[in-house]
Amino acid sequence: MPDIKKTLLREFKVAFSLKTQPLYFRVAKWLIIMGVVFLLRRVIHPVLLLGILTTAGLMLHFYIRFKTDVWKKSYGGWKYDEVFGKAEEHT
């Protein structure tokens, strides 16, 4: 079984690194998500819509996580060395 603490620390380092997504991109992303929910609130129940968006987001997250071998190699826009540096061990 993988070390949960080590896994969570790696996930948080990726999630909160400004090198993975710039701050302006994160703000714009959430403004767009909230705007879509606001515009579609009468078409589809907001809780259902947030559930759909959350599911899609998690699916994308785990796909990228799989392709990067749990954030251990670069893929697409993800650059391993920019977040973890060249000194960190690739385990």
N, C-alpha and C. Protein backbone atom coordinates (compact mmCIF):
# COMPACT_ATOMS: atom_id res chain seq x y z
N MET A 1 0.85 -1.19 0.00
CA MET A 1 0.00 0.00 0.00
C MET A 1 0.89 1.24 0.00
N PRO A 2 0.57 2.21 -0.87
CA PRO A 2 1.41 3.41 -0.94
C PRO A 2 1.30 4.24 0.33
N ASP A 3 2.37 4.97 0.61
CA ASP A 3 2.39 5.84 1.78
C ASP A 3 1.42 7.00 1.54
N ILE A 4 0.33 7.04 2.33
CA ILE A 4 -0.74 8.03 2.13
C ILE A 4 -0.21 9.44 2.34
N LYS A 5 0.59 9.65 3.37
CA LYS A 5 1.12 10.99 3.65
C LYS A 5 1.96 11.50 2.47
N LYS A 6 2.82 10.63 1.94
CA LYS A 6 3.68 11.01 0.80
C LYS A 6 2.82 11.32 -0.43
N THR A 7 1.80 10.50 -0.65
CA THR A 7 0.91 10.71 -1.79
C THR A 7 0.16 12.03 -1.67
N LEU A 8 -0.39 12.30 -0.49
CA LEU A 8 -1.12 13.56 -0.28
C LEU A 8 -0.21 14.78 -0.41
N LEU A 9 1.01 14.68 0.12
CA LEU A 9 1.95 15.80 -0.02
C LEU A 9 2.27 16.09 -1.49
N ARG A 10 2.45 15.02 -2.27
CA ARG A 10 2.72 15.19 -3.70
C ARG A 10 1.52 15.83 -4.40
N GLU A 11 0.32 15.35 -4.09
CA GLU A 11 -0.89 15.91 -4.71
C GLU A 11 -1.06 17.39 -4.37
N PHE A 12 -0.82 17.75 -3.10
CA PHE A 12 -0.96 19.15 -2.70
C PHE A 12 0.12 20.02 -3.34
N LYS A 13 1.32 19.47 -3.48
CA LYS A 13 2.39 20.23 -4.13
C LYS A 13 2.02 20.53 -5.58
N VAL A 14 1.45 19.56 -6.27
CA VAL A 14 1.01 19.76 -7.65
C VAL A 14 -0.17 20.74 -7.70
N ALA A 15 -1.14 20.54 -6.81
CA ALA A 15 -2.36 21.35 -6.83
C ALA A 15 -2.10 22.82 -6.55
N PHE A 16 -1.17 23.11 -5.64
CA PHE A 16 -0.98 24.50 -5.22
C PHE A 16 0.28 25.15 -5.80
N SER A 17 0.95 24.47 -6.70
CA SER A 17 2.12 25.06 -7.34
C SER A 17 1.66 26.08 -8.39
N LEU A 18 2.22 27.27 -8.34
CA LEU A 18 1.88 28.29 -9.34
C LEU A 18 2.54 27.99 -10.68
N LYS A 19 3.40 26.98 -10.72
CA LYS A 19 4.04 26.59 -11.98
C LYS A 19 3.17 25.62 -12.78
N THR A 20 2.17 25.00 -12.14
CA THR A 20 1.30 24.10 -12.88
C THR A 20 0.19 24.87 -13.58
N GLN A 21 -0.43 25.80 -12.87
CA GLN A 21 -1.44 26.69 -13.44
C GLN A 21 -1.24 28.06 -12.82
N PRO A 22 -1.04 29.08 -13.64
CA PRO A 22 -0.89 30.42 -13.08
C PRO A 22 -2.16 30.85 -12.33
N LEU A 23 -2.00 31.77 -11.40
CA LEU A 23 -3.12 32.22 -10.57
C LEU A 23 -4.25 32.80 -11.43
N TYR A 24 -3.91 33.58 -12.47
CA TYR A 24 -4.95 34.17 -13.32
C TYR A 24 -5.76 33.09 -14.01
N PHE A 25 -5.13 31.98 -14.37
CA PHE A 25 -5.83 30.87 -15.03
C PHE A 25 -6.80 30.20 -14.06
N ARG A 26 -6.36 30.01 -12.82
CA ARG A 26 -7.22 29.39 -11.81
C ARG A 26 -8.45 30.25 -11.54
N VAL A 27 -8.24 31.57 -11.41
CA VAL A 27 -9.35 32.48 -11.16
C VAL A 27 -10.32 32.46 -12.35
N ALA A 28 -9.78 32.55 -13.56
CA ALA A 28 -10.62 32.54 -14.77
C ALA A 28 -11.39 31.22 -14.88
N LYS A 29 -10.74 30.11 -14.57
CA LYS A 29 -11.39 28.79 -14.63
C LYS A 29 -12.60 28.74 -13.71
N TRP A 30 -12.44 29.20 -12.47
CA TRP A 30 -13.55 29.15 -11.52
C TRP A 30 -14.63 30.16 -11.85
N LEU A 31 -14.27 31.30 -12.41
CA LEU A 31 -15.28 32.26 -12.84
C LEU A 31 -16.13 31.67 -13.97
N ILE A 32 -15.48 30.96 -14.88
CA ILE A 32 -16.21 30.32 -15.99
C ILE A 32 -17.12 29.22 -15.45
N ILE A 33 -16.62 28.40 -14.53
CA ILE A 33 -17.45 27.33 -13.96
C ILE A 33 -18.66 27.92 -13.26
N MET A 34 -18.45 28.94 -12.45
CA MET A 34 -19.58 29.56 -11.73
C MET A 34 -20.54 30.24 -12.71
N GLY A 35 -20.01 30.83 -13.79
CA GLY A 35 -20.85 31.45 -14.80
C GLY A 35 -21.73 30.43 -15.52
N VAL A 36 -21.15 29.28 -15.86
CA VAL A 36 -21.91 28.21 -16.51
C VAL A 36 -23.02 27.72 -15.59
N VAL A 37 -22.68 27.51 -14.31
CA VAL A 37 -23.69 27.06 -13.35
C VAL A 37 -24.80 28.11 -13.23
N PHE A 38 -24.44 29.38 -13.17
CA PHE A 38 -25.43 30.45 -13.06
C PHE A 38 -26.34 30.49 -14.28
N LEU A 39 -25.75 30.40 -15.48
CA LEU A 39 -26.54 30.48 -16.71
C LEU A 39 -27.45 29.27 -16.91
N LEU A 40 -27.01 28.12 -16.44
CA LEU A 40 -27.79 26.90 -16.64
C LEU A 40 -28.64 26.51 -15.43
N ARG A 41 -28.74 27.39 -14.45
CA ARG A 41 -29.45 27.04 -13.21
C ARG A 41 -30.92 26.75 -13.44
N ARG A 42 -31.53 27.30 -14.47
CA ARG A 42 -32.95 27.06 -14.73
C ARG A 42 -33.15 25.86 -15.67
N VAL A 43 -32.11 25.49 -16.40
CA VAL A 43 -32.20 24.36 -17.33
C VAL A 43 -31.95 23.04 -16.61
N ILE A 44 -30.95 23.02 -15.76
CA ILE A 44 -30.58 21.81 -15.03
C ILE A 44 -30.31 22.22 -13.59
N HIS A 45 -30.68 21.39 -12.66
CA HIS A 45 -30.50 21.72 -11.24
C HIS A 45 -29.01 21.97 -10.95
N PRO A 46 -28.68 23.08 -10.28
CA PRO A 46 -27.28 23.43 -10.03
C PRO A 46 -26.48 22.33 -9.32
N VAL A 47 -27.09 21.61 -8.41
CA VAL A 47 -26.37 20.54 -7.71
C VAL A 47 -26.02 19.41 -8.69
N LEU A 48 -26.95 19.08 -9.57
CA LEU A 48 -26.69 18.06 -10.59
C LEU A 48 -25.59 18.53 -11.54
N LEU A 49 -25.67 19.79 -11.95
CA LEU A 49 -24.66 20.35 -12.85
C LEU A 49 -23.28 20.34 -12.20
N LEU A 50 -23.20 20.74 -10.93
CA LEU A 50 -21.92 20.70 -10.23
C LEU A 50 -21.42 19.26 -10.10
N GLY A 51 -22.32 18.32 -9.90
CA GLY A 51 -21.93 16.92 -9.84
C GLY A 51 -21.34 16.44 -11.16
N ILE A 52 -21.97 16.85 -12.26
CA ILE A 52 -21.47 16.48 -13.60
C ILE A 52 -20.10 17.11 -13.83
N LEU A 53 -19.96 18.40 -13.51
CA LEU A 53 -18.67 19.08 -13.69
C LEU A 53 -17.59 18.49 -12.80
N THR A 54 -17.95 18.14 -11.56
CA THR A 54 -16.98 17.52 -10.65
C THR A 54 -16.52 16.17 -11.18
N THR A 55 -17.46 15.37 -11.65
CA THR A 55 -17.13 14.07 -12.22
C THR A 55 -16.21 14.22 -13.43
N ALA A 56 -16.53 15.15 -14.32
CA ALA A 56 -15.69 15.38 -15.50
C ALA A 56 -14.30 15.86 -15.08
N GLY A 57 -14.24 16.74 -14.09
CA GLY A 57 -12.96 17.23 -13.61
C GLY A 57 -12.11 16.13 -12.99
N LEU A 58 -12.74 15.27 -12.20
CA LEU A 58 -12.00 14.15 -11.60
C LEU A 58 -11.51 13.17 -12.65
N MET A 59 -12.34 12.91 -13.65
CA MET A 59 -11.92 12.02 -14.73
C MET A 59 -10.71 12.58 -15.46
N LEU A 60 -10.74 13.88 -15.75
CA LEU A 60 -9.59 14.52 -16.40
C LEU A 60 -8.36 14.48 -15.49
N HIS A 61 -8.55 14.75 -14.20
CA HIS A 61 -7.46 14.72 -13.24
C HIS A 61 -6.78 13.35 -13.23
N PHE A 62 -7.57 12.29 -13.11
CA PHE A 62 -6.98 10.96 -13.02
C PHE A 62 -6.39 10.51 -14.36
N TYR A 63 -6.93 10.99 -15.46
CA TYR A 63 -6.32 10.68 -16.77
C TYR A 63 -4.93 11.30 -16.87
N ILE A 64 -4.82 12.58 -16.52
CA ILE A 64 -3.51 13.26 -16.57
C ILE A 64 -2.57 12.63 -15.56
N ARG A 65 -3.08 12.29 -14.38
CA ARG A 65 -2.26 11.66 -13.35
C ARG A 65 -1.73 10.31 -13.85
N PHE A 66 -2.56 9.56 -14.56
CA PHE A 66 -2.13 8.29 -15.14
C PHE A 66 -1.06 8.52 -16.22
N LYS A 67 -1.30 9.48 -17.10
CA LYS A 67 -0.36 9.73 -18.20
C LYS A 67 1.00 10.26 -17.70
N THR A 68 1.01 10.92 -16.55
CA THR A 68 2.26 11.45 -16.01
C THR A 68 2.90 10.51 -15.00
N ASP A 69 2.36 9.29 -14.90
CA ASP A 69 2.87 8.30 -13.96
C ASP A 69 2.90 8.87 -12.55
N VAL A 70 1.74 9.32 -12.08
CA VAL A 70 1.54 9.92 -10.75
C VAL A 70 2.46 11.13 -10.59
N TRP A 71 2.46 12.01 -11.57
CA TRP A 71 3.20 13.29 -11.58
C TRP A 71 4.71 13.09 -11.63
N LYS A 72 5.20 11.91 -12.07
CA LYS A 72 6.63 11.66 -12.07
C LYS A 72 7.30 11.92 -13.41
N LYS A 73 6.53 12.22 -14.44
CA LYS A 73 7.15 12.54 -15.73
C LYS A 73 6.32 13.60 -16.44
N SER A 74 6.97 14.34 -17.30
CA SER A 74 6.30 15.42 -18.02
C SER A 74 5.36 14.85 -19.08
N TYR A 75 4.25 15.54 -19.30
CA TYR A 75 3.29 15.14 -20.32
C TYR A 75 2.43 16.35 -20.65
N GLY A 76 2.28 16.65 -21.91
CA GLY A 76 1.45 17.78 -22.32
C GLY A 76 1.93 19.07 -21.68
N GLY A 77 1.05 19.76 -20.96
CA GLY A 77 1.42 21.00 -20.30
C GLY A 77 2.10 20.81 -18.96
N TRP A 78 2.13 19.58 -18.46
CA TRP A 78 2.74 19.29 -17.16
C TRP A 78 4.24 19.13 -17.33
N LYS A 79 5.01 19.96 -16.61
CA LYS A 79 6.48 19.90 -16.65
C LYS A 79 6.97 19.51 -15.27
N TYR A 80 7.40 18.27 -15.13
CA TYR A 80 7.82 17.73 -13.84
C TYR A 80 8.91 18.59 -13.19
N ASP A 81 9.97 18.88 -13.94
CA ASP A 81 11.11 19.59 -13.36
C ASP A 81 10.77 21.00 -12.88
N GLU A 82 9.78 21.64 -13.47
CA GLU A 82 9.41 22.99 -13.03
C GLU A 82 8.75 22.98 -11.66
N VAL A 83 8.05 21.92 -11.32
CA VAL A 83 7.36 21.85 -10.03
C VAL A 83 8.22 21.19 -8.97
N PHE A 84 8.82 20.05 -9.30
CA PHE A 84 9.57 19.29 -8.30
C PHE A 84 11.07 19.53 -8.36
N GLY A 85 11.55 20.11 -9.44
CA GLY A 85 12.99 20.34 -9.56
C GLY A 85 13.71 19.08 -10.00
N LYS A 86 14.92 19.25 -10.44
CA LYS A 86 15.70 18.11 -10.94
C LYS A 86 16.28 17.28 -9.79
N ALA A 87 16.35 17.87 -8.59
CA ALA A 87 16.98 17.20 -7.46
C ALA A 87 16.09 16.14 -6.82
N GLU A 88 14.78 16.28 -6.93
CA GLU A 88 13.89 15.32 -6.27
C GLU A 88 13.99 13.96 -6.94
N GLU A 89 13.94 12.97 -6.13
CA GLU A 89 14.07 11.59 -6.60
C GLU A 89 12.81 11.17 -7.38
N HIS A 90 12.99 10.50 -8.50
CA HIS A 90 11.87 10.00 -9.29
C HIS A 90 11.49 8.62 -8.77
N THR A 91 10.65 8.59 -7.72
CA THR A 91 10.25 7.29 -7.15
C THR A 91 8.81 7.02 -7.43
